[in-house]
């Protein structure tokens, strides 16, 4: 499977959420804003989901504003008659909990007063152990990104929280998949 070489937006419109959404196991297939099926073209196929995501977060307001981003992965159970349920249950996994700080680098092609991040801090999730993620973070007004392992999840879901005393006005993320 070829890599998706171009970045895309996690959200069509920036988020202004002030808290994370609870994620629970569900019989409802994940869908909606900020949810992507990694087994669908152009990301993967029925037999393949990509191993890695690269994220480039950005926020609005000014430099040195903060927000938090979480990426969840969902994997369905195999529906089997005779067990507890004959319906697939989608199990959430926290892949990444990330604190982001905007830089002085403007992202004016997106919108005015939009700034790419230069500081990324991994707080929690499967990516927290260092084996499944890599942060490119210069803290010197250069664009930061994070690479994380999808752990074989079929769906990914982006979740947002404006955080701290120096909150951004809104937030979003560029992302892409790749195989290795």
N, C-alpha and C. Protein backbone atom coordinates (compact mmCIF):
# COMPACT_ATOMS: atom_id res chain seq x y z
N UNK A 1 0.85 -1.18 0.00
CA UNK A 1 0.00 0.00 0.00
C UNK A 1 0.89 1.23 0.00
N UNK A 2 0.62 2.16 -0.86
CA UNK A 2 1.40 3.38 -0.96
C UNK A 2 1.05 4.34 0.17
N UNK A 3 1.99 5.17 0.52
CA UNK A 3 1.78 6.16 1.56
C UNK A 3 0.92 7.30 1.03
N UNK A 4 0.11 7.86 1.91
CA UNK A 4 -0.61 9.08 1.60
C UNK A 4 0.36 10.22 1.88
N UNK A 5 0.85 10.85 0.86
CA UNK A 5 1.96 11.77 1.00
C UNK A 5 1.55 13.17 1.45
N UNK A 6 0.32 13.53 1.26
CA UNK A 6 -0.12 14.89 1.56
C UNK A 6 -0.85 14.94 2.90
N UNK A 7 -0.70 16.07 3.55
CA UNK A 7 -1.44 16.29 4.79
C UNK A 7 -2.88 16.62 4.50
N UNK A 8 -3.74 16.27 5.43
CA UNK A 8 -5.14 16.68 5.37
C UNK A 8 -5.52 17.21 6.74
N UNK A 9 -6.65 17.87 6.81
CA UNK A 9 -7.12 18.44 8.07
C UNK A 9 -7.88 17.38 8.88
N UNK A 10 -7.67 17.37 10.19
CA UNK A 10 -8.43 16.49 11.07
C UNK A 10 -9.88 16.95 11.14
N UNK A 11 -10.10 18.26 11.06
CA UNK A 11 -11.44 18.84 11.12
C UNK A 11 -11.62 19.83 9.98
N UNK A 12 -12.82 19.91 9.43
CA UNK A 12 -13.12 20.89 8.39
C UNK A 12 -13.16 22.30 8.97
N UNK A 13 -13.58 22.41 10.23
CA UNK A 13 -13.64 23.67 10.95
C UNK A 13 -12.92 23.49 12.27
N UNK A 14 -12.10 24.44 12.67
CA UNK A 14 -11.35 24.33 13.92
C UNK A 14 -12.27 24.07 15.11
N UNK A 15 -11.75 23.34 16.09
CA UNK A 15 -12.50 23.04 17.31
C UNK A 15 -12.33 24.16 18.34
N UNK A 16 -13.38 24.40 19.09
CA UNK A 16 -13.34 25.32 20.23
C UNK A 16 -13.78 24.59 21.51
N UNK A 17 -13.67 23.29 21.51
CA UNK A 17 -14.09 22.46 22.64
C UNK A 17 -13.29 22.81 23.89
N UNK A 18 -13.95 22.80 25.03
CA UNK A 18 -13.28 23.09 26.30
C UNK A 18 -13.14 21.86 27.18
N UNK A 19 -13.43 20.68 26.63
CA UNK A 19 -13.21 19.44 27.38
C UNK A 19 -13.20 18.27 26.41
N UNK A 20 -12.52 17.21 26.85
CA UNK A 20 -12.50 15.99 26.06
C UNK A 20 -13.83 15.26 26.18
N UNK A 21 -14.15 14.46 25.17
CA UNK A 21 -15.36 13.65 25.15
C UNK A 21 -15.05 12.27 25.70
N UNK A 22 -15.94 11.74 26.54
CA UNK A 22 -15.75 10.38 27.06
C UNK A 22 -15.81 9.39 25.91
N UNK A 23 -14.91 8.42 25.91
CA UNK A 23 -14.86 7.39 24.88
C UNK A 23 -15.23 6.06 25.52
N UNK A 24 -16.21 5.40 24.99
CA UNK A 24 -16.68 4.14 25.55
C UNK A 24 -16.78 3.08 24.46
N UNK A 25 -16.66 1.82 24.87
CA UNK A 25 -16.93 0.72 23.94
C UNK A 25 -18.37 0.85 23.48
N UNK A 26 -18.62 0.61 22.19
CA UNK A 26 -19.94 0.82 21.64
C UNK A 26 -20.22 -0.13 20.49
N UNK A 27 -21.47 -0.43 20.27
CA UNK A 27 -21.87 -1.25 19.12
C UNK A 27 -22.06 -0.38 17.88
N UNK A 28 -21.93 0.94 18.04
CA UNK A 28 -22.08 1.87 16.92
C UNK A 28 -20.73 2.13 16.27
N UNK A 29 -20.65 1.91 14.98
CA UNK A 29 -19.41 2.14 14.24
C UNK A 29 -19.01 3.62 14.37
N UNK A 30 -17.75 3.90 14.70
CA UNK A 30 -17.32 5.29 14.82
C UNK A 30 -17.53 6.05 13.51
N UNK A 31 -18.02 7.27 13.63
CA UNK A 31 -18.25 8.11 12.46
C UNK A 31 -18.34 9.56 12.91
N UNK A 32 -18.42 10.44 11.95
CA UNK A 32 -18.62 11.85 12.27
C UNK A 32 -17.36 12.67 12.12
N UNK A 33 -17.42 13.89 12.62
CA UNK A 33 -16.34 14.84 12.52
C UNK A 33 -15.11 14.34 13.28
N UNK A 34 -13.97 14.37 12.62
CA UNK A 34 -12.72 13.98 13.26
C UNK A 34 -12.50 12.49 13.37
N UNK A 35 -13.33 11.68 12.69
CA UNK A 35 -13.19 10.22 12.69
C UNK A 35 -12.81 9.77 11.28
N UNK A 36 -11.80 8.88 11.20
CA UNK A 36 -11.33 8.39 9.91
C UNK A 36 -11.19 6.88 9.95
N UNK A 37 -11.67 6.22 8.89
CA UNK A 37 -11.57 4.77 8.74
C UNK A 37 -10.26 4.46 8.02
N UNK A 38 -9.28 3.95 8.76
CA UNK A 38 -7.96 3.69 8.18
C UNK A 38 -7.95 2.48 7.25
N UNK A 39 -9.04 1.70 7.23
CA UNK A 39 -9.14 0.56 6.31
C UNK A 39 -9.78 0.97 4.99
N UNK A 40 -10.10 2.25 4.84
CA UNK A 40 -10.72 2.75 3.61
C UNK A 40 -9.67 3.43 2.73
N UNK A 41 -9.90 3.40 1.45
CA UNK A 41 -9.05 4.12 0.50
C UNK A 41 -9.26 5.61 0.75
N UNK A 42 -8.25 6.46 0.79
CA UNK A 42 -6.88 6.27 0.35
C UNK A 42 -5.91 5.85 1.47
N UNK A 43 -6.42 5.58 2.67
CA UNK A 43 -5.52 5.29 3.80
C UNK A 43 -5.02 3.85 3.79
N UNK A 44 -5.91 2.91 3.54
CA UNK A 44 -5.56 1.50 3.60
C UNK A 44 -6.51 0.70 2.74
N UNK A 45 -6.82 -0.53 3.18
CA UNK A 45 -7.74 -1.40 2.46
C UNK A 45 -8.34 -2.37 3.46
N UNK A 46 -9.24 -3.22 3.01
CA UNK A 46 -9.86 -4.20 3.90
C UNK A 46 -8.82 -5.12 4.55
N UNK A 47 -7.68 -5.31 3.89
CA UNK A 47 -6.64 -6.19 4.41
C UNK A 47 -5.50 -5.43 5.08
N UNK A 48 -5.52 -4.10 5.04
CA UNK A 48 -4.37 -3.33 5.49
C UNK A 48 -4.81 -2.04 6.16
N UNK A 49 -4.25 -1.75 7.33
CA UNK A 49 -4.36 -0.41 7.91
C UNK A 49 -2.94 0.10 8.12
N UNK A 50 -2.71 1.38 7.90
CA UNK A 50 -1.35 1.91 8.03
C UNK A 50 -0.84 1.84 9.46
N UNK A 51 0.47 1.74 9.59
CA UNK A 51 1.09 1.63 10.91
C UNK A 51 1.31 2.95 11.61
N UNK A 52 1.48 4.03 10.86
CA UNK A 52 1.89 5.29 11.47
C UNK A 52 1.04 6.47 11.00
N UNK A 53 0.94 7.46 11.90
CA UNK A 53 0.35 8.75 11.59
C UNK A 53 1.37 9.82 11.93
N UNK A 54 1.41 10.86 11.13
CA UNK A 54 2.19 12.05 11.47
C UNK A 54 1.19 13.18 11.70
N UNK A 55 1.34 13.87 12.81
CA UNK A 55 0.43 14.96 13.18
C UNK A 55 1.19 16.27 13.26
N UNK A 56 0.60 17.34 12.74
CA UNK A 56 1.15 18.69 12.83
C UNK A 56 0.03 19.59 13.39
N UNK A 57 -0.02 19.77 14.71
CA UNK A 57 -1.09 20.57 15.32
C UNK A 57 -0.89 22.07 15.08
N UNK A 58 -2.01 22.81 15.11
CA UNK A 58 -1.96 24.26 15.02
C UNK A 58 -3.14 24.86 15.76
N UNK A 59 -2.98 26.12 16.18
CA UNK A 59 -4.03 26.81 16.91
C UNK A 59 -4.14 28.24 16.47
N UNK A 60 -5.19 28.90 16.96
CA UNK A 60 -5.42 30.30 16.60
C UNK A 60 -5.30 31.19 17.84
N UNK A 61 -5.08 32.45 17.61
CA UNK A 61 -4.98 33.53 18.59
C UNK A 61 -3.64 34.22 18.43
N UNK A 62 -2.55 33.57 18.92
CA UNK A 62 -1.22 34.18 18.88
C UNK A 62 -0.20 33.10 19.20
N UNK A 63 1.07 33.48 19.18
CA UNK A 63 2.13 32.56 19.59
C UNK A 63 2.02 32.29 21.09
N UNK A 64 2.53 31.15 21.51
CA UNK A 64 2.59 30.74 22.92
C UNK A 64 1.21 30.52 23.55
N UNK A 65 0.26 30.08 22.74
CA UNK A 65 -1.06 29.69 23.25
C UNK A 65 -1.12 28.17 23.31
N UNK A 66 -1.94 27.62 24.19
CA UNK A 66 -1.94 26.18 24.45
C UNK A 66 -3.28 25.52 24.18
N UNK A 67 -3.20 24.23 23.89
CA UNK A 67 -4.37 23.37 23.78
C UNK A 67 -3.92 21.93 23.90
N UNK A 68 -4.87 21.03 24.12
CA UNK A 68 -4.58 19.60 24.21
C UNK A 68 -5.30 18.85 23.10
N UNK A 69 -4.68 17.79 22.65
CA UNK A 69 -5.21 16.96 21.57
C UNK A 69 -5.09 15.51 21.99
N UNK A 70 -6.13 14.75 21.78
CA UNK A 70 -6.08 13.30 21.97
C UNK A 70 -6.42 12.61 20.66
N UNK A 71 -5.77 11.49 20.45
CA UNK A 71 -6.08 10.63 19.30
C UNK A 71 -6.44 9.27 19.87
N UNK A 72 -7.64 8.82 19.55
CA UNK A 72 -8.11 7.50 19.96
C UNK A 72 -8.12 6.58 18.76
N UNK A 73 -7.86 5.31 19.00
CA UNK A 73 -8.01 4.30 17.98
C UNK A 73 -9.16 3.39 18.39
N UNK A 74 -9.95 2.95 17.43
CA UNK A 74 -11.05 2.02 17.68
C UNK A 74 -10.83 0.76 16.86
N UNK A 75 -10.99 -0.38 17.50
CA UNK A 75 -10.88 -1.66 16.83
C UNK A 75 -12.16 -2.45 17.12
N UNK A 76 -12.80 -3.02 16.08
CA UNK A 76 -14.01 -3.80 16.33
C UNK A 76 -13.68 -5.22 16.77
N UNK A 77 -14.56 -5.76 17.59
CA UNK A 77 -14.50 -7.19 17.89
C UNK A 77 -15.08 -7.93 16.70
N UNK A 78 -14.84 -9.22 16.61
CA UNK A 78 -15.41 -10.02 15.54
C UNK A 78 -16.76 -10.54 16.04
N UNK A 79 -17.85 -10.19 15.36
CA UNK A 79 -19.14 -10.70 15.80
C UNK A 79 -19.23 -12.21 15.58
N UNK A 80 -19.53 -12.93 16.63
CA UNK A 80 -19.61 -14.39 16.57
C UNK A 80 -20.85 -14.84 17.31
N UNK A 81 -21.67 -15.61 16.67
CA UNK A 81 -22.86 -16.12 17.37
C UNK A 81 -22.41 -17.12 18.43
N UNK A 82 -23.16 -17.22 19.50
CA UNK A 82 -22.83 -18.13 20.58
C UNK A 82 -22.02 -17.46 21.68
N UNK A 83 -21.44 -16.31 21.40
CA UNK A 83 -20.74 -15.56 22.44
C UNK A 83 -21.71 -14.57 23.06
N UNK A 84 -21.19 -13.67 23.84
CA UNK A 84 -22.03 -12.69 24.52
C UNK A 84 -22.83 -11.86 23.53
N UNK A 85 -22.22 -11.50 22.41
CA UNK A 85 -22.91 -10.67 21.43
C UNK A 85 -22.61 -11.15 20.02
N UNK A 86 -23.55 -10.97 19.15
CA UNK A 86 -23.35 -11.28 17.73
C UNK A 86 -23.11 -9.98 16.97
N UNK A 87 -22.95 -8.89 17.70
CA UNK A 87 -22.73 -7.58 17.11
C UNK A 87 -21.30 -7.14 17.39
N UNK A 88 -20.66 -6.55 16.42
CA UNK A 88 -19.31 -6.02 16.64
C UNK A 88 -19.38 -4.92 17.69
N UNK A 89 -18.41 -4.92 18.59
CA UNK A 89 -18.27 -3.86 19.58
C UNK A 89 -16.96 -3.14 19.26
N UNK A 90 -17.01 -1.83 19.19
CA UNK A 90 -15.85 -1.01 18.86
C UNK A 90 -15.18 -0.57 20.16
N UNK A 91 -13.93 -1.03 20.35
CA UNK A 91 -13.19 -0.81 21.58
C UNK A 91 -12.24 0.37 21.41
N UNK A 92 -12.37 1.43 22.25
CA UNK A 92 -11.46 2.57 22.13
C UNK A 92 -10.13 2.33 22.85
N UNK A 93 -9.07 2.89 22.27
CA UNK A 93 -7.75 2.89 22.90
C UNK A 93 -7.18 4.30 22.78
N UNK A 94 -6.65 4.82 23.86
CA UNK A 94 -5.99 6.12 23.80
C UNK A 94 -4.63 5.93 23.16
N UNK A 95 -4.45 6.45 21.96
CA UNK A 95 -3.16 6.34 21.28
C UNK A 95 -2.23 7.48 21.68
N UNK A 96 -2.79 8.66 21.95
CA UNK A 96 -1.95 9.81 22.24
C UNK A 96 -2.75 10.88 22.96
N UNK A 97 -2.17 11.43 24.02
CA UNK A 97 -2.66 12.63 24.69
C UNK A 97 -1.51 13.63 24.62
N UNK A 98 -1.73 14.73 23.93
CA UNK A 98 -0.66 15.65 23.56
C UNK A 98 -1.01 17.07 24.00
N UNK A 99 -0.08 17.75 24.68
CA UNK A 99 -0.20 19.18 24.96
C UNK A 99 0.57 19.94 23.90
N UNK A 100 -0.03 20.99 23.37
CA UNK A 100 0.53 21.72 22.24
C UNK A 100 0.66 23.20 22.59
N UNK A 101 1.74 23.81 22.13
CA UNK A 101 1.96 25.25 22.30
C UNK A 101 2.26 25.84 20.93
N UNK A 102 1.52 26.89 20.58
CA UNK A 102 1.71 27.52 19.28
C UNK A 102 3.03 28.29 19.23
N UNK A 103 3.57 28.41 18.02
CA UNK A 103 4.84 29.10 17.78
C UNK A 103 4.56 30.47 17.15
N UNK A 104 5.62 31.13 16.73
CA UNK A 104 5.48 32.39 16.00
C UNK A 104 5.33 32.16 14.51
N UNK A 105 5.33 30.89 14.08
CA UNK A 105 5.19 30.57 12.65
C UNK A 105 3.72 30.61 12.27
N UNK A 106 3.38 31.54 11.41
CA UNK A 106 1.98 31.67 11.01
C UNK A 106 1.61 30.62 9.97
N UNK A 107 0.35 30.27 9.99
CA UNK A 107 -0.23 29.34 9.02
C UNK A 107 -1.33 30.12 8.31
N UNK A 108 -0.93 31.24 7.72
CA UNK A 108 -1.89 32.18 7.14
C UNK A 108 -2.63 31.59 5.95
N UNK A 109 -2.08 30.53 5.32
CA UNK A 109 -2.80 29.87 4.24
C UNK A 109 -4.08 29.22 4.74
N UNK A 110 -4.14 28.93 6.01
CA UNK A 110 -5.35 28.35 6.61
C UNK A 110 -6.31 29.46 7.01
N UNK A 111 -5.85 30.39 7.83
CA UNK A 111 -6.67 31.51 8.27
C UNK A 111 -5.77 32.51 8.99
N UNK A 112 -6.23 33.75 9.11
CA UNK A 112 -5.45 34.75 9.84
C UNK A 112 -5.34 34.35 11.30
N UNK A 113 -4.29 34.80 11.95
CA UNK A 113 -4.04 34.51 13.37
C UNK A 113 -4.00 33.02 13.67
N UNK A 114 -3.47 32.25 12.73
CA UNK A 114 -3.30 30.80 12.93
C UNK A 114 -1.80 30.52 12.99
N UNK A 115 -1.43 29.69 13.98
CA UNK A 115 -0.01 29.44 14.25
C UNK A 115 0.24 27.95 14.39
N UNK A 116 1.28 27.47 13.70
CA UNK A 116 1.72 26.09 13.87
C UNK A 116 2.38 25.95 15.23
N UNK A 117 2.44 24.74 15.76
CA UNK A 117 3.02 24.51 17.08
C UNK A 117 4.51 24.25 16.99
N UNK A 118 5.23 24.66 18.05
CA UNK A 118 6.66 24.35 18.13
C UNK A 118 6.99 23.54 19.39
N UNK A 119 6.04 23.41 20.31
CA UNK A 119 6.26 22.61 21.51
C UNK A 119 5.14 21.58 21.62
N UNK A 120 5.52 20.30 21.67
CA UNK A 120 4.57 19.20 21.84
C UNK A 120 5.05 18.36 23.01
N UNK A 121 4.13 18.06 23.93
CA UNK A 121 4.46 17.25 25.09
C UNK A 121 3.51 16.07 25.16
N UNK A 122 4.04 14.85 25.11
CA UNK A 122 3.21 13.65 25.22
C UNK A 122 2.87 13.43 26.69
N UNK A 123 1.57 13.41 27.02
CA UNK A 123 1.11 13.24 28.39
C UNK A 123 0.72 11.81 28.73
N UNK A 124 0.15 11.11 27.76
CA UNK A 124 -0.39 9.78 28.06
C UNK A 124 -0.71 9.06 26.76
N UNK A 125 -1.16 7.82 26.91
CA UNK A 125 -1.57 7.02 25.77
C UNK A 125 -0.52 5.99 25.42
N UNK A 126 -0.87 5.16 24.48
CA UNK A 126 0.04 4.11 24.03
C UNK A 126 1.34 4.70 23.51
N UNK A 127 1.27 5.93 23.01
CA UNK A 127 2.47 6.58 22.47
C UNK A 127 3.40 7.06 23.57
N UNK A 128 2.95 7.06 24.83
CA UNK A 128 3.71 7.66 25.91
C UNK A 128 4.99 6.92 26.24
N UNK A 129 5.10 5.63 25.92
CA UNK A 129 6.29 4.88 26.31
C UNK A 129 7.51 5.14 25.43
N UNK A 130 7.35 5.93 24.39
CA UNK A 130 8.49 6.27 23.55
C UNK A 130 8.78 5.26 22.46
N UNK A 131 8.28 4.04 22.59
CA UNK A 131 8.51 3.03 21.57
C UNK A 131 7.58 3.23 20.37
N UNK A 132 6.46 3.85 20.60
CA UNK A 132 5.44 3.96 19.55
C UNK A 132 5.23 5.37 19.05
N UNK A 133 6.10 6.29 19.42
CA UNK A 133 5.95 7.65 18.94
C UNK A 133 7.30 8.32 18.84
N UNK A 134 7.32 9.38 18.07
CA UNK A 134 8.51 10.19 17.93
C UNK A 134 8.07 11.64 17.80
N UNK A 135 8.61 12.52 18.63
CA UNK A 135 8.25 13.92 18.59
C UNK A 135 9.39 14.71 17.96
N UNK A 136 9.06 15.49 16.96
CA UNK A 136 10.02 16.43 16.39
C UNK A 136 9.60 17.78 16.95
N UNK A 137 10.37 18.27 17.91
CA UNK A 137 9.96 19.42 18.71
C UNK A 137 11.19 20.26 19.00
N UNK A 138 11.30 21.40 18.37
CA UNK A 138 12.52 22.18 18.49
C UNK A 138 12.44 23.23 19.59
N UNK A 139 11.25 23.67 19.92
CA UNK A 139 11.04 24.75 20.88
C UNK A 139 11.76 26.03 20.47
N UNK A 140 12.06 26.16 19.20
CA UNK A 140 12.74 27.36 18.70
C UNK A 140 12.00 27.92 17.51
N UNK A 141 10.71 27.97 17.59
CA UNK A 141 9.86 28.49 16.52
C UNK A 141 10.07 27.79 15.19
N UNK A 142 10.24 26.47 15.26
CA UNK A 142 10.21 25.62 14.08
C UNK A 142 9.01 24.71 14.22
N UNK A 143 8.47 24.25 13.12
CA UNK A 143 7.26 23.44 13.15
C UNK A 143 7.53 22.09 13.82
N UNK A 144 6.71 21.75 14.81
CA UNK A 144 6.82 20.47 15.51
C UNK A 144 5.79 19.49 14.95
N UNK A 145 6.14 18.21 15.00
CA UNK A 145 5.20 17.18 14.61
C UNK A 145 5.43 15.96 15.49
N UNK A 146 4.46 15.06 15.48
CA UNK A 146 4.59 13.82 16.22
C UNK A 146 4.22 12.67 15.29
N UNK A 147 4.95 11.59 15.40
CA UNK A 147 4.65 10.38 14.66
C UNK A 147 4.21 9.34 15.68
N UNK A 148 3.08 8.70 15.43
CA UNK A 148 2.63 7.68 16.38
C UNK A 148 2.19 6.43 15.65
N UNK A 149 2.30 5.33 16.34
CA UNK A 149 1.91 4.02 15.82
C UNK A 149 0.40 3.87 16.01
N UNK A 150 -0.29 3.36 15.01
CA UNK A 150 -1.75 3.19 15.10
C UNK A 150 -2.16 1.95 15.87
N UNK A 151 -1.22 1.07 16.19
CA UNK A 151 -1.46 -0.17 16.92
C UNK A 151 -2.51 -1.04 16.25
N UNK A 152 -2.62 -0.92 14.92
CA UNK A 152 -3.54 -1.76 14.16
C UNK A 152 -4.99 -1.34 14.24
N UNK A 153 -5.27 -0.17 14.81
CA UNK A 153 -6.67 0.28 14.93
C UNK A 153 -7.26 0.58 13.56
N UNK A 154 -8.52 0.26 13.40
CA UNK A 154 -9.19 0.52 12.13
C UNK A 154 -9.61 1.98 12.00
N UNK A 155 -10.11 2.55 13.09
CA UNK A 155 -10.60 3.94 13.08
C UNK A 155 -9.71 4.79 13.98
N UNK A 156 -9.54 6.05 13.61
CA UNK A 156 -8.93 7.01 14.51
C UNK A 156 -9.93 8.13 14.74
N UNK A 157 -9.85 8.71 15.92
CA UNK A 157 -10.73 9.82 16.27
C UNK A 157 -9.91 10.89 16.97
N UNK A 158 -10.03 12.12 16.49
CA UNK A 158 -9.37 13.27 17.09
C UNK A 158 -10.31 13.91 18.10
N UNK A 159 -9.78 14.30 19.27
CA UNK A 159 -10.57 14.95 20.33
C UNK A 159 -9.75 16.13 20.86
N UNK A 160 -10.43 17.19 21.31
CA UNK A 160 -9.77 18.47 21.57
C UNK A 160 -10.18 19.05 22.91
N UNK A 161 -9.27 19.86 23.48
CA UNK A 161 -9.55 20.55 24.74
C UNK A 161 -8.68 21.81 24.80
N UNK A 162 -9.31 22.98 24.87
CA UNK A 162 -8.54 24.19 25.11
C UNK A 162 -8.01 24.10 26.53
N UNK A 163 -6.72 24.36 26.72
CA UNK A 163 -6.08 24.03 28.00
C UNK A 163 -5.22 25.16 28.53
N UNK A 164 -5.31 25.38 29.82
CA UNK A 164 -4.38 26.28 30.51
C UNK A 164 -4.80 27.73 30.50
N UNK A 165 -3.99 28.53 31.16
CA UNK A 165 -4.28 29.96 31.29
C UNK A 165 -4.04 30.72 29.99
N UNK A 166 -3.22 30.17 29.11
CA UNK A 166 -2.88 30.83 27.85
C UNK A 166 -3.53 30.09 26.69
N UNK A 167 -4.84 29.89 26.78
CA UNK A 167 -5.56 29.09 25.78
C UNK A 167 -5.55 29.71 24.39
N UNK A 168 -5.45 28.83 23.41
CA UNK A 168 -5.70 29.24 22.02
C UNK A 168 -7.19 29.54 21.88
N UNK A 169 -7.57 30.17 20.80
CA UNK A 169 -8.98 30.44 20.53
C UNK A 169 -9.65 29.21 19.92
N UNK A 170 -8.93 28.53 19.05
CA UNK A 170 -9.41 27.30 18.44
C UNK A 170 -8.20 26.46 18.04
N UNK A 171 -8.45 25.20 17.65
CA UNK A 171 -7.34 24.29 17.36
C UNK A 171 -7.74 23.30 16.29
N UNK A 172 -6.71 22.72 15.64
CA UNK A 172 -6.91 21.73 14.61
C UNK A 172 -5.58 21.01 14.39
N UNK A 173 -5.53 20.17 13.39
CA UNK A 173 -4.32 19.38 13.18
C UNK A 173 -4.27 18.94 11.71
N UNK A 174 -3.09 18.99 11.15
CA UNK A 174 -2.84 18.34 9.87
C UNK A 174 -2.37 16.93 10.18
N UNK A 175 -2.73 15.97 9.33
CA UNK A 175 -2.28 14.60 9.58
C UNK A 175 -2.14 13.85 8.26
N UNK A 176 -1.33 12.81 8.31
CA UNK A 176 -1.18 11.91 7.17
C UNK A 176 -0.79 10.54 7.69
N UNK A 177 -1.00 9.53 6.86
CA UNK A 177 -0.60 8.17 7.20
C UNK A 177 0.62 7.80 6.38
N UNK A 178 1.38 6.83 6.89
CA UNK A 178 2.44 6.23 6.10
C UNK A 178 2.76 4.86 6.67
N UNK A 179 3.44 4.05 5.86
CA UNK A 179 3.67 2.65 6.20
C UNK A 179 4.90 2.44 7.06
N UNK A 180 5.96 3.16 6.82
CA UNK A 180 7.19 2.94 7.59
C UNK A 180 8.01 4.20 7.61
